[in-house]
Amino acid sequence: METWDFGATVRRWRDRVAPDAVGLPVGGRRRAAGLRREELAGLAGISVDYLTRLEQGRATSPSEQVVEALARALRLADAERDHLFRLAGLAVPGPGVIPTRVTASVQRLLDRLAGTPVVIYDAAWNLIAANGPYDALMGATSALTGNARNAVWRNLFELGEHRARQTAEEHEEQVAGLVADLRMTAARFPDDTRLRKLILELRAASPRFVELWETATTPPPTERSRHKIIDHPTIGAIGVDCDTLVVVGDELRIMVYTAEPGTDDAERLALATVLGTQALVG
């Protein structure tokens, strides 16, 4: 199939998605029948320029991550998502590959948490998606590229804004837990080429990773809720609870940040979310 078919299909499906169906405001005049190009780009975590080139057939060979992100942003059914992979010239991810699919039921859950900071990782701790409130609280995830989108890599090399306070012991415990969890994932998905590549690059770049990998055991049990202090650049310190929800069948890790209702932390979290989301949109 021609590459243009991919772009034309994305454009056609973009036109059919109502903004309110993906949590976007519907105010003002809209020339687009459905999502604006910049809205889809934002939902998929890619640049508007790249989406424009994809739709016009000037960009070829989109990656699996980009196709999956577009399928998620367009709320495609399974058959449509598979078709989009084929239009891109890619094999539909099979059972031996770590899932990155956000199913319709999980998406409905996320829609109900639209005002709450939420970030989603796959079983290898690759960042799949983050909503506006999360970016407002923790920093824009759209700036993360390549291996920096992997939480194991990011924590090993302490990349990013690091707004959450941690002692050295807490950081070491977190990294060790991530590496142990990654090793368990590698045992479940031995044929995943992206995972094998990540592990090889981690081994080559970090002696500490090699040490943790060789001595990794089952991740220690952790509290269901982990309290964190977020140093927000505008609001200041915000105390939040970070809960990780594991969607077992879909191999997703959903991290949700909340504060005790009626507290100063809850007020500061709400303010950070509003101000940060406005800044990201603006």
C-alpha atoms as a PDB file:
ATOM      1  CA  MET A   1       0.000   0.000   0.000  1.00  0.00           C
ATOM      2  CA  GLU A   2       1.153   3.549  -0.668  1.00  0.00           C
ATOM      3  CA  THR A   3       2.427   5.615   2.250  1.00  0.00           C
ATOM      4  CA  TRP A   4      -0.170   8.239   1.302  1.00  0.00           C
ATOM      5  CA  ASP A   5      -2.871   5.759   2.297  1.00  0.00           C
ATOM      6  CA  PHE A   6      -1.587   5.905   5.866  1.00  0.00           C
ATOM      7  CA  GLY A   7      -1.732   9.700   6.022  1.00  0.00           C
ATOM      8  CA  ALA A   8      -5.120   9.909   4.328  1.00  0.00           C
ATOM      9  CA  THR A   9      -6.525   7.341   6.728  1.00  0.00           C
ATOM     10  CA  VAL A  10      -5.182   9.202   9.763  1.00  0.00           C
ATOM     11  CA  ARG A  11      -6.720  12.424   8.441  1.00  0.00           C
ATOM     12  CA  ARG A  12     -10.074  10.757   7.758  1.00  0.00           C
ATOM     13  CA  TRP A  13     -10.179   9.192  11.223  1.00  0.00           C
ATOM     14  CA  ARG A  14      -9.089  12.478  12.820  1.00  0.00           C
ATOM     15  CA  ASP A  15     -12.137  14.163  11.300  1.00  0.00           C
ATOM     16  CA  ARG A  16     -14.524  11.714  12.910  1.00  0.00           C
ATOM     17  CA  VAL A  17     -13.285  12.124  16.530  1.00  0.00           C
ATOM     18  CA  ALA A  18     -15.331  14.633  18.528  1.00  0.00           C
ATOM     19  CA  PRO A  19     -13.146  16.791  20.831  1.00  0.00           C
ATOM     20  CA  ASP A  20     -15.322  16.129  23.873  1.00  0.00           C
ATOM     21  CA  ALA A  21     -14.910  12.383  23.312  1.00  0.00           C
ATOM     22  CA  VAL A  22     -11.203  12.734  24.166  1.00  0.00           C
ATOM     23  CA  GLY A  23     -11.635  15.266  26.967  1.00  0.00           C
ATOM     24  CA  LEU A  24     -10.965  18.428  24.971  1.00  0.00           C
ATOM     25  CA  PRO A  25     -13.043  21.641  25.238  1.00  0.00           C
ATOM     26  CA  VAL A  26     -15.449  22.382  22.401  1.00  0.00           C
ATOM     27  CA  GLY A  27     -15.531  26.172  22.616  1.00  0.00           C
ATOM     28  CA  GLY A  28     -15.169  28.630  19.725  1.00  0.00           C
ATOM     29  CA  ARG A  29     -15.460  28.163  16.000  1.00  0.00           C
ATOM     30  CA  ARG A  30     -13.954  25.000  14.570  1.00  0.00           C
ATOM     31  CA  ARG A  31     -13.128  24.501  10.926  1.00  0.00           C
ATOM     32  CA  ALA A  32     -12.089  20.900  11.522  1.00  0.00           C
ATOM     33  CA  ALA A  33     -14.905  18.372  11.524  1.00  0.00           C
ATOM     34  CA  GLY A  34     -13.274  16.516  14.392  1.00  0.00           C
ATOM     35  CA  LEU A  35      -9.893  16.993  16.014  1.00  0.00           C
ATOM     36  CA  ARG A  36      -7.587  19.766  14.939  1.00  0.00           C
ATOM     37  CA  ARG A  37      -4.175  18.628  13.773  1.00  0.00           C
ATOM     38  CA  GLU A  38      -2.474  20.181  16.810  1.00  0.00           C
ATOM     39  CA  GLU A  39      -4.962  18.439  19.108  1.00  0.00           C
ATOM     40  CA  LEU A  40      -4.221  14.993  17.677  1.00  0.00           C
ATOM     41  CA  ALA A  41      -0.480  15.695  17.789  1.00  0.00           C
ATOM     42  CA  GLY A  42      -0.760  16.667  21.446  1.00  0.00           C
ATOM     43  CA  LEU A  43      -2.784  13.571  22.326  1.00  0.00           C
ATOM     44  CA  ALA A  44      -0.302  11.319  20.513  1.00  0.00           C
ATOM     45  CA  GLY A  45       2.789  13.052  21.903  1.00  0.00           C
ATOM     46  CA  ILE A  46       4.286  13.947  18.503  1.00  0.00           C
ATOM     47  CA  SER A  47       5.016  17.290  16.873  1.00  0.00           C
ATOM     48  CA  VAL A  48       2.444  19.038  14.698  1.00  0.00           C
ATOM     49  CA  ASP A  49       5.031  19.272  11.918  1.00  0.00           C
ATOM     50  CA  TYR A  50       5.593  15.516  11.947  1.00  0.00           C
ATOM     51  CA  LEU A  51       1.852  14.798  11.933  1.00  0.00           C
ATOM     52  CA  THR A  52       1.445  17.210   9.014  1.00  0.00           C
ATOM     53  CA  ARG A  53       4.133  15.408   7.043  1.00  0.00           C
ATOM     54  CA  LEU A  54       2.576  12.035   7.870  1.00  0.00           C
ATOM     55  CA  GLU A  55      -0.859  13.142   6.718  1.00  0.00           C
ATOM     56  CA  GLN A  56       0.548  14.637   3.518  1.00  0.00           C
ATOM     57  CA  GLY A  57       2.643  11.564   2.754  1.00  0.00           C
ATOM     58  CA  ARG A  58       5.931  13.458   3.072  1.00  0.00           C
ATOM     59  CA  ALA A  59       7.035  11.434   6.119  1.00  0.00           C
ATOM     60  CA  THR A  60       7.421   7.698   5.672  1.00  0.00           C
ATOM     61  CA  SER A  61       8.039   4.709   7.900  1.00  0.00           C
ATOM     62  CA  PRO A  62       6.467   5.832  11.180  1.00  0.00           C
ATOM     63  CA  SER A  63       7.690   3.799  14.140  1.00  0.00           C
ATOM     64  CA  GLU A  64       5.597   1.288  16.049  1.00  0.00           C
ATOM     65  CA  GLN A  65       5.456   3.743  18.944  1.00  0.00           C
ATOM     66  CA  VAL A  66       4.058   6.511  16.735  1.00  0.00           C
ATOM     67  CA  VAL A  67       1.446   4.237  15.142  1.00  0.00           C
ATOM     68  CA  GLU A  68       0.369   2.947  18.546  1.00  0.00           C
ATOM     69  CA  ALA A  69       0.164   6.489  19.906  1.00  0.00           C
ATOM     70  CA  LEU A  70      -1.982   7.621  16.965  1.00  0.00           C
ATOM     71  CA  ALA A  71      -4.250   4.588  17.340  1.00  0.00           C
ATOM     72  CA  ARG A  72      -4.690   5.386  21.019  1.00  0.00           C
ATOM     73  CA  ALA A  73      -5.340   9.085  20.419  1.00  0.00           C
ATOM     74  CA  LEU A  74      -7.857   8.311  17.660  1.00  0.00           C
ATOM     75  CA  ARG A  75      -9.636   5.767  19.916  1.00  0.00           C
ATOM     76  CA  LEU A  76      -9.400   3.094  17.250  1.00  0.00           C
ATOM     77  CA  ALA A  77     -11.063  -0.280  17.601  1.00  0.00           C
ATOM     78  CA  ASP A  78      -8.720  -3.282  17.539  1.00  0.00           C
ATOM     79  CA  ALA A  79      -9.344  -4.054  13.869  1.00  0.00           C
ATOM     80  CA  GLU A  80      -8.750  -0.409  12.887  1.00  0.00           C
ATOM     81  CA  ARG A  81      -5.563  -0.253  14.931  1.00  0.00           C
ATOM     82  CA  ASP A  82      -4.279  -3.410  13.213  1.00  0.00           C
ATOM     83  CA  HIS A  83      -5.161  -1.884   9.835  1.00  0.00           C
ATOM     84  CA  LEU A  84      -3.204   1.267  10.683  1.00  0.00           C
ATOM     85  CA  PHE A  85      -0.131  -0.846  11.471  1.00  0.00           C
ATOM     86  CA  ARG A  86      -0.421  -2.569   8.098  1.00  0.00           C
ATOM     87  CA  LEU A  87      -0.827   0.762   6.286  1.00  0.00           C
ATOM     88  CA  ALA A  88       2.409   1.866   7.936  1.00  0.00           C
ATOM     89  CA  GLY A  89       4.143  -1.222   6.581  1.00  0.00           C
ATOM     90  CA  LEU A  90       4.524  -2.707  10.056  1.00  0.00           C
ATOM     91  CA  ALA A  91       3.634  -6.110  11.423  1.00  0.00           C
ATOM     92  CA  VAL A  92       0.802  -6.055  13.934  1.00  0.00           C
ATOM     93  CA  PRO A  93       2.357  -6.635  17.385  1.00  0.00           C
ATOM     94  CA  GLY A  94       1.998 -10.302  18.249  1.00  0.00           C
ATOM     95  CA  PRO A  95       1.626 -12.209  21.525  1.00  0.00           C
ATOM     96  CA  GLY A  96       5.402 -12.300  22.148  1.00  0.00           C
ATOM     97  CA  VAL A  97       5.685  -8.515  22.226  1.00  0.00           C
ATOM     98  CA  ILE A  98       5.111  -6.344  25.284  1.00  0.00           C
ATOM     99  CA  PRO A  99       1.655  -4.766  24.843  1.00  0.00           C
ATOM    100  CA  THR A 100       1.457  -1.001  24.547  1.00  0.00           C
ATOM    101  CA  ARG A 101      -2.229  -0.955  23.721  1.00  0.00           C
ATOM    102  CA  VAL A 102      -4.523   1.128  25.937  1.00  0.00           C
ATOM    103  CA  THR A 103      -7.790  -0.775  25.669  1.00  0.00           C
ATOM    104  CA  ALA A 104     -11.190   0.888  25.526  1.00  0.00           C
ATOM    105  CA  SER A 105     -11.990  -0.095  29.113  1.00  0.00           C
ATOM    106  CA  VAL A 106      -8.713   1.335  30.414  1.00  0.00           C
ATOM    107  CA  GLN A 107      -9.295   4.466  28.355  1.00  0.00           C
ATOM    108  CA  ARG A 108     -12.696   4.930  29.988  1.00  0.00           C
ATOM    109  CA  LEU A 109     -10.982   4.717  33.366  1.00  0.00           C
ATOM    110  CA  LEU A 110      -8.469   7.364  32.311  1.00  0.00           C
ATOM    111  CA  ASP A 111     -11.245   9.610  31.014  1.00  0.00           C
ATOM    112  CA  ARG A 112     -12.808   9.580  34.475  1.00  0.00           C
ATOM    113  CA  LEU A 113      -9.443  10.711  35.878  1.00  0.00           C
ATOM    114  CA  ALA A 114      -9.089  13.585  33.420  1.00  0.00           C
ATOM    115  CA  GLY A 115      -8.482  16.116  36.213  1.00  0.00           C
ATOM    116  CA  THR A 116      -6.006  13.907  38.089  1.00  0.00           C
ATOM    117  CA  PRO A 117      -2.288  13.517  37.261  1.00  0.00           C
ATOM    118  CA  VAL A 118      -1.887  10.142  35.553  1.00  0.00           C
ATOM    119  CA  VAL A 119       1.004   8.528  33.650  1.00  0.00           C
ATOM    120  CA  ILE A 120       0.993   5.125  31.927  1.00  0.00           C
ATOM    121  CA  TYR A 121       3.953   2.766  31.389  1.00  0.00           C
ATOM    122  CA  ASP A 122       4.211  -0.595  29.689  1.00  0.00           C
ATOM    123  CA  ALA A 123       5.729  -3.659  31.345  1.00  0.00           C
ATOM    124  CA  ALA A 124       9.250  -2.543  30.366  1.00  0.00           C
ATOM    125  CA  TRP A 125       8.614   0.871  31.958  1.00  0.00           C
ATOM    126  CA  ASN A 126       8.448   2.702  28.636  1.00  0.00           C
ATOM    127  CA  LEU A 127       6.261   5.761  28.919  1.00  0.00           C
ATOM    128  CA  ILE A 128       3.110   5.271  26.869  1.00  0.00           C
ATOM    129  CA  ALA A 129       1.096   8.359  27.749  1.00  0.00           C
ATOM    130  CA  ALA A 130       0.653  11.089  30.339  1.00  0.00           C
ATOM    131  CA  ASN A 131      -2.242  13.482  30.717  1.00  0.00           C
ATOM    132  CA  GLY A 132      -2.108  17.268  31.044  1.00  0.00           C
ATOM    133  CA  PRO A 133      -2.351  17.328  34.847  1.00  0.00           C
ATOM    134  CA  TYR A 134       0.625  14.965  35.120  1.00  0.00           C
ATOM    135  CA  ASP A 135       2.741  17.141  32.822  1.00  0.00           C
ATOM    136  CA  ALA A 136       1.653  20.184  34.800  1.00  0.00           C
ATOM    137  CA  LEU A 137       2.765  18.564  38.059  1.00  0.00           C
ATOM    138  CA  MET A 138       5.895  16.675  37.009  1.00  0.00           C
ATOM    139  CA  GLY A 139       7.117  18.390  33.833  1.00  0.00           C
ATOM    140  CA  ALA A 140       6.293  17.957  30.153  1.00  0.00           C
ATOM    141  CA  THR A 141       6.756  14.347  29.035  1.00  0.00           C
ATOM    142  CA  SER A 142       6.672  15.441  25.382  1.00  0.00           C
ATOM    143  CA  ALA A 143      10.286  16.596  25.830  1.00  0.00           C
ATOM    144  CA  LEU A 144      11.392  13.021  26.577  1.00  0.00           C
ATOM    145  CA  THR A 145      12.762  11.105  23.589  1.00  0.00           C
ATOM    146  CA  GLY A 146      14.477   7.785  22.974  1.00  0.00           C
ATOM    147  CA  ASN A 147      15.643   5.909  26.057  1.00  0.00           C
ATOM    148  CA  ALA A 148      14.774   8.901  28.230  1.00  0.00           C
ATOM    149  CA  ARG A 149      11.163   7.747  27.919  1.00  0.00           C
ATOM    150  CA  ASN A 150      12.089   4.581  29.829  1.00  0.00           C
ATOM    151  CA  ALA A 151      11.737   4.916  33.604  1.00  0.00           C
ATOM    152  CA  VAL A 152      14.571   2.474  34.343  1.00  0.00           C
ATOM    153  CA  TRP A 153      16.980   4.425  32.137  1.00  0.00           C
ATOM    154  CA  ARG A 154      15.739   7.792  33.399  1.00  0.00           C
ATOM    155  CA  ASN A 155      16.133   6.845  37.050  1.00  0.00           C
ATOM    156  CA  LEU A 156      19.519   5.172  36.607  1.00  0.00           C
ATOM    157  CA  PHE A 157      20.961   8.282  34.992  1.00  0.00           C
ATOM    158  CA  GLU A 158      18.773  10.723  36.961  1.00  0.00           C
ATOM    159  CA  LEU A 159      17.415  12.436  33.857  1.00  0.00           C
ATOM    160  CA  GLY A 160      14.535  14.896  33.768  1.00  0.00           C
ATOM    161  CA  GLU A 161      13.331  17.534  36.177  1.00  0.00           C
ATOM    162  CA  HIS A 162      13.278  15.310  39.296  1.00  0.00           C
ATOM    163  CA  ARG A 163      10.585  17.241  41.085  1.00  0.00           C
ATOM    164  CA  ALA A 164       9.989  14.452  43.605  1.00  0.00           C
ATOM    165  CA  ARG A 165      12.184  14.609  46.684  1.00  0.00           C
ATOM    166  CA  GLN A 166      14.149  11.434  47.420  1.00  0.00           C
ATOM    167  CA  THR A 167      16.866  10.400  49.793  1.00  0.00           C
ATOM    168  CA  ALA A 168      19.783   8.416  48.384  1.00  0.00           C
ATOM    169  CA  GLU A 169      18.365   5.299  50.012  1.00  0.00           C
ATOM    170  CA  GLU A 170      14.905   5.872  48.508  1.00  0.00           C
ATOM    171  CA  HIS A 171      16.404   6.426  45.065  1.00  0.00           C
ATOM    172  CA  GLU A 172      18.492   3.257  45.296  1.00  0.00           C
ATOM    173  CA  GLU A 173      15.447   1.264  46.418  1.00  0.00           C
ATOM    174  CA  GLN A 174      13.390   2.611  43.532  1.00  0.00           C
ATOM    175  CA  VAL A 175      16.059   1.810  40.925  1.00  0.00           C
ATOM    176  CA  ALA A 176      16.608  -1.688  42.323  1.00  0.00           C
ATOM    177  CA  GLY A 177      12.874  -2.350  42.244  1.00  0.00           C
ATOM    178  CA  LEU A 178      12.584  -1.152  38.639  1.00  0.00           C
ATOM    179  CA  VAL A 179      15.490  -3.335  37.506  1.00  0.00           C
ATOM    180  CA  ALA A 180      14.048  -6.377  39.284  1.00  0.00           C
ATOM    181  CA  ASP A 181      10.663  -5.766  37.682  1.00  0.00           C
ATOM    182  CA  LEU A 182      12.303  -5.333  34.264  1.00  0.00           C
ATOM    183  CA  ARG A 183      14.063  -8.682  34.659  1.00  0.00           C
ATOM    184  CA  MET A 184      10.741 -10.366  35.424  1.00  0.00           C
ATOM    185  CA  THR A 185       9.297  -8.757  32.290  1.00  0.00           C
ATOM    186  CA  ALA A 186      12.250 -10.010  30.228  1.00  0.00           C
ATOM    187  CA  ALA A 187      11.516 -13.549  31.431  1.00  0.00           C
ATOM    188  CA  ARG A 188       7.887 -13.225  30.274  1.00  0.00           C
ATOM    189  CA  PHE A 189       8.758 -11.669  26.896  1.00  0.00           C
ATOM    190  CA  PRO A 190      12.051 -13.269  25.765  1.00  0.00           C
ATOM    191  CA  ASP A 191      11.299 -12.621  22.069  1.00  0.00           C
ATOM    192  CA  ASP A 192      10.614  -8.885  22.335  1.00  0.00           C
ATOM    193  CA  THR A 193      13.351  -7.259  20.243  1.00  0.00           C
ATOM    194  CA  ARG A 194      12.801  -3.762  21.637  1.00  0.00           C
ATOM    195  CA  LEU A 195      13.190  -5.078  25.170  1.00  0.00           C
ATOM    196  CA  ARG A 196      16.370  -6.988  24.291  1.00  0.00           C
ATOM    197  CA  LYS A 197      17.812  -3.837  22.699  1.00  0.00           C
ATOM    198  CA  LEU A 198      16.978  -1.778  25.796  1.00  0.00           C
ATOM    199  CA  ILE A 199      18.647  -4.291  28.106  1.00  0.00           C
ATOM    200  CA  LEU A 200      21.790  -4.425  25.945  1.00  0.00           C
ATOM    201  CA  GLU A 201      22.025  -0.634  25.936  1.00  0.00           C
ATOM    202  CA  LEU A 202      21.500  -0.454  29.690  1.00  0.00           C
ATOM    203  CA  ARG A 203      24.219  -3.058  30.259  1.00  0.00           C
ATOM    204  CA  ALA A 204      26.626  -1.154  28.013  1.00  0.00           C
ATOM    205  CA  ALA A 205      25.912   2.231  29.599  1.00  0.00           C
ATOM    206  CA  SER A 206      25.594   1.443  33.310  1.00  0.00           C
ATOM    207  CA  PRO A 207      27.795  -0.830  35.453  1.00  0.00           C
ATOM    208  CA  ARG A 208      25.272  -0.256  38.233  1.00  0.00           C
ATOM    209  CA  PHE A 209      22.526  -1.730  36.048  1.00  0.00           C
ATOM    210  CA  VAL A 210      24.675  -4.804  35.394  1.00  0.00           C
ATOM    211  CA  GLU A 211      25.223  -5.254  39.124  1.00  0.00           C
ATOM    212  CA  LEU A 212      21.528  -4.895  39.930  1.00  0.00           C
ATOM    213  CA  TRP A 213      20.523  -7.136  37.017  1.00  0.00           C
ATOM    214  CA  GLU A 214      22.850  -9.935  38.075  1.00  0.00           C
ATOM    215  CA  THR A 215      21.629  -9.819  41.682  1.00  0.00           C
ATOM    216  CA  ALA A 216      17.968  -9.000  41.006  1.00  0.00           C
ATOM    217  CA  THR A 217      15.339 -10.915  42.922  1.00  0.00           C
ATOM    218  CA  THR A 218      11.581 -10.559  43.083  1.00  0.00           C
ATOM    219  CA  PRO A 219      10.803  -6.868  43.693  1.00  0.00           C
ATOM    220  CA  PRO A 220      10.202  -6.317  47.427  1.00  0.00           C
ATOM    221  CA  PRO A 221       6.604  -5.695  48.465  1.00  0.00           C
ATOM    222  CA  THR A 222       5.814  -1.982  48.668  1.00  0.00           C
ATOM    223  CA  GLU A 223       3.058  -0.029  50.302  1.00  0.00           C
ATOM    224  CA  ARG A 224      -0.056   0.366  48.205  1.00  0.00           C
ATOM    225  CA  SER A 225       0.287   4.123  48.492  1.00  0.00           C
ATOM    226  CA  ARG A 226       3.634   5.880  48.359  1.00  0.00           C
ATOM    227  CA  HIS A 227       3.771   9.409  49.740  1.00  0.00           C
ATOM    228  CA  LYS A 228       5.917  11.878  47.838  1.00  0.00           C
ATOM    229  CA  ILE A 229       6.835  15.529  48.182  1.00  0.00           C
ATOM    230  CA  ILE A 230       6.794  17.263  44.791  1.00  0.00           C
ATOM    231  CA  ASP A 231       8.855  20.455  44.515  1.00  0.00           C
ATOM    232  CA  HIS A 232       6.782  22.375  41.988  1.00  0.00           C
ATOM    233  CA  PRO A 233       8.649  25.345  40.454  1.00  0.00           C
ATOM    234  CA  THR A 234       5.681  27.701  40.839  1.00  0.00           C
ATOM    235  CA  ILE A 235       3.558  26.376  43.708  1.00  0.00           C
ATOM    236  CA  GLY A 236       6.271  24.957  45.971  1.00  0.00           C
ATOM    237  CA  ALA A 237       6.146  21.723  47.955  1.00  0.00           C
ATOM    238  CA  ILE A 238       3.085  19.513  47.367  1.00  0.00           C
ATOM    239  CA  GLY A 239       2.498  16.313  49.330  1.00  0.00           C
ATOM    240  CA  VAL A 240       0.863  13.630  47.182  1.00  0.00           C
ATOM    241  CA  ASP A 241       0.158   9.915  47.281  1.00  0.00           C
ATOM    242  CA  CYS A 242       1.388   8.004  44.237  1.00  0.00           C
ATOM    243  CA  ASP A 243      -0.482   4.753  43.613  1.00  0.00           C
ATOM    244  CA  THR A 244       0.556   2.324  40.878  1.00  0.00           C
ATOM    245  CA  LEU A 245      -2.297   0.323  39.385  1.00  0.00           C
ATOM    246  CA  VAL A 246      -1.260  -2.764  37.401  1.00  0.00           C
ATOM    247  CA  VAL A 247      -3.579  -3.859  34.586  1.00  0.00           C
ATOM    248  CA  VAL A 248      -2.511  -7.491  34.565  1.00  0.00           C
ATOM    249  CA  GLY A 249      -3.974  -8.695  31.283  1.00  0.00           C
ATOM    250  CA  ASP A 250      -2.799  -5.623  29.392  1.00  0.00           C
ATOM    251  CA  GLU A 251       0.619  -5.373  31.117  1.00  0.00           C
ATOM    252  CA  LEU A 252       0.152  -1.682  31.934  1.00  0.00           C
ATOM    253  CA  ARG A 253       1.329   0.314  34.947  1.00  0.00           C
ATOM    254  CA  ILE A 254      -0.897   3.298  35.692  1.00  0.00           C
ATOM    255  CA  MET A 255       0.510   5.785  38.209  1.00  0.00           C
ATOM    256  CA  VAL A 256      -2.035   8.123  39.811  1.00  0.00           C
ATOM    257  CA  TYR A 257      -1.165  11.159  41.949  1.00  0.00           C
ATOM    258  CA  THR A 258      -3.695  12.425  44.504  1.00  0.00           C
ATOM    259  CA  ALA A 259      -3.804  14.501  47.701  1.00  0.00           C
ATOM    260  CA  GLU A 260      -6.016  14.202  50.776  1.00  0.00           C
ATOM    261  CA  PRO A 261      -9.221  16.207  50.091  1.00  0.00           C
ATOM    262  CA  GLY A 262      -9.631  19.395  52.093  1.00  0.00           C
ATOM    263  CA  THR A 263      -5.917  19.789  52.811  1.00  0.00           C
ATOM    264  CA  ASP A 264      -3.481  22.490  51.764  1.00  0.00           C
ATOM    265  CA  ASP A 265      -1.761  19.890  49.593  1.00  0.00           C
ATOM    266  CA  ALA A 266      -5.024  19.262  47.731  1.00  0.00           C
ATOM    267  CA  GLU A 267      -5.406  22.995  47.072  1.00  0.00           C
ATOM    268  CA  ARG A 268      -1.806  23.299  45.894  1.00  0.00           C
ATOM    269  CA  LEU A 269      -2.181  20.240  43.655  1.00  0.00           C
ATOM    270  CA  ALA A 270      -5.333  21.677  42.077  1.00  0.00           C
ATOM    271  CA  LEU A 271      -3.619  25.041  41.526  1.00  0.00           C
ATOM    272  CA  ALA A 272      -0.516  23.435  40.002  1.00  0.00           C
ATOM    273  CA  THR A 273      -2.730  21.400  37.681  1.00  0.00           C
ATOM    274  CA  VAL A 274      -4.734  24.408  36.510  1.00  0.00           C
ATOM    275  CA  LEU A 275      -1.777  26.749  36.073  1.00  0.00           C
ATOM    276  CA  GLY A 276       0.415  24.100  34.460  1.00  0.00           C
ATOM    277  CA  THR A 277      -2.263  22.891  32.084  1.00  0.00           C
ATOM    278  CA  GLN A 278      -2.934  26.479  30.977  1.00  0.00           C
ATOM    279  CA  ALA A 279       0.778  26.994  30.367  1.00  0.00           C
ATOM    280  CA  LEU A 280       1.047  23.766  28.346  1.00  0.00           C
ATOM    281  CA  VAL A 281      -1.977  24.695  26.231  1.00  0.00           C
ATOM    282  CA  GLY A 282      -0.772  28.254  25.779  1.00  0.00           C
END
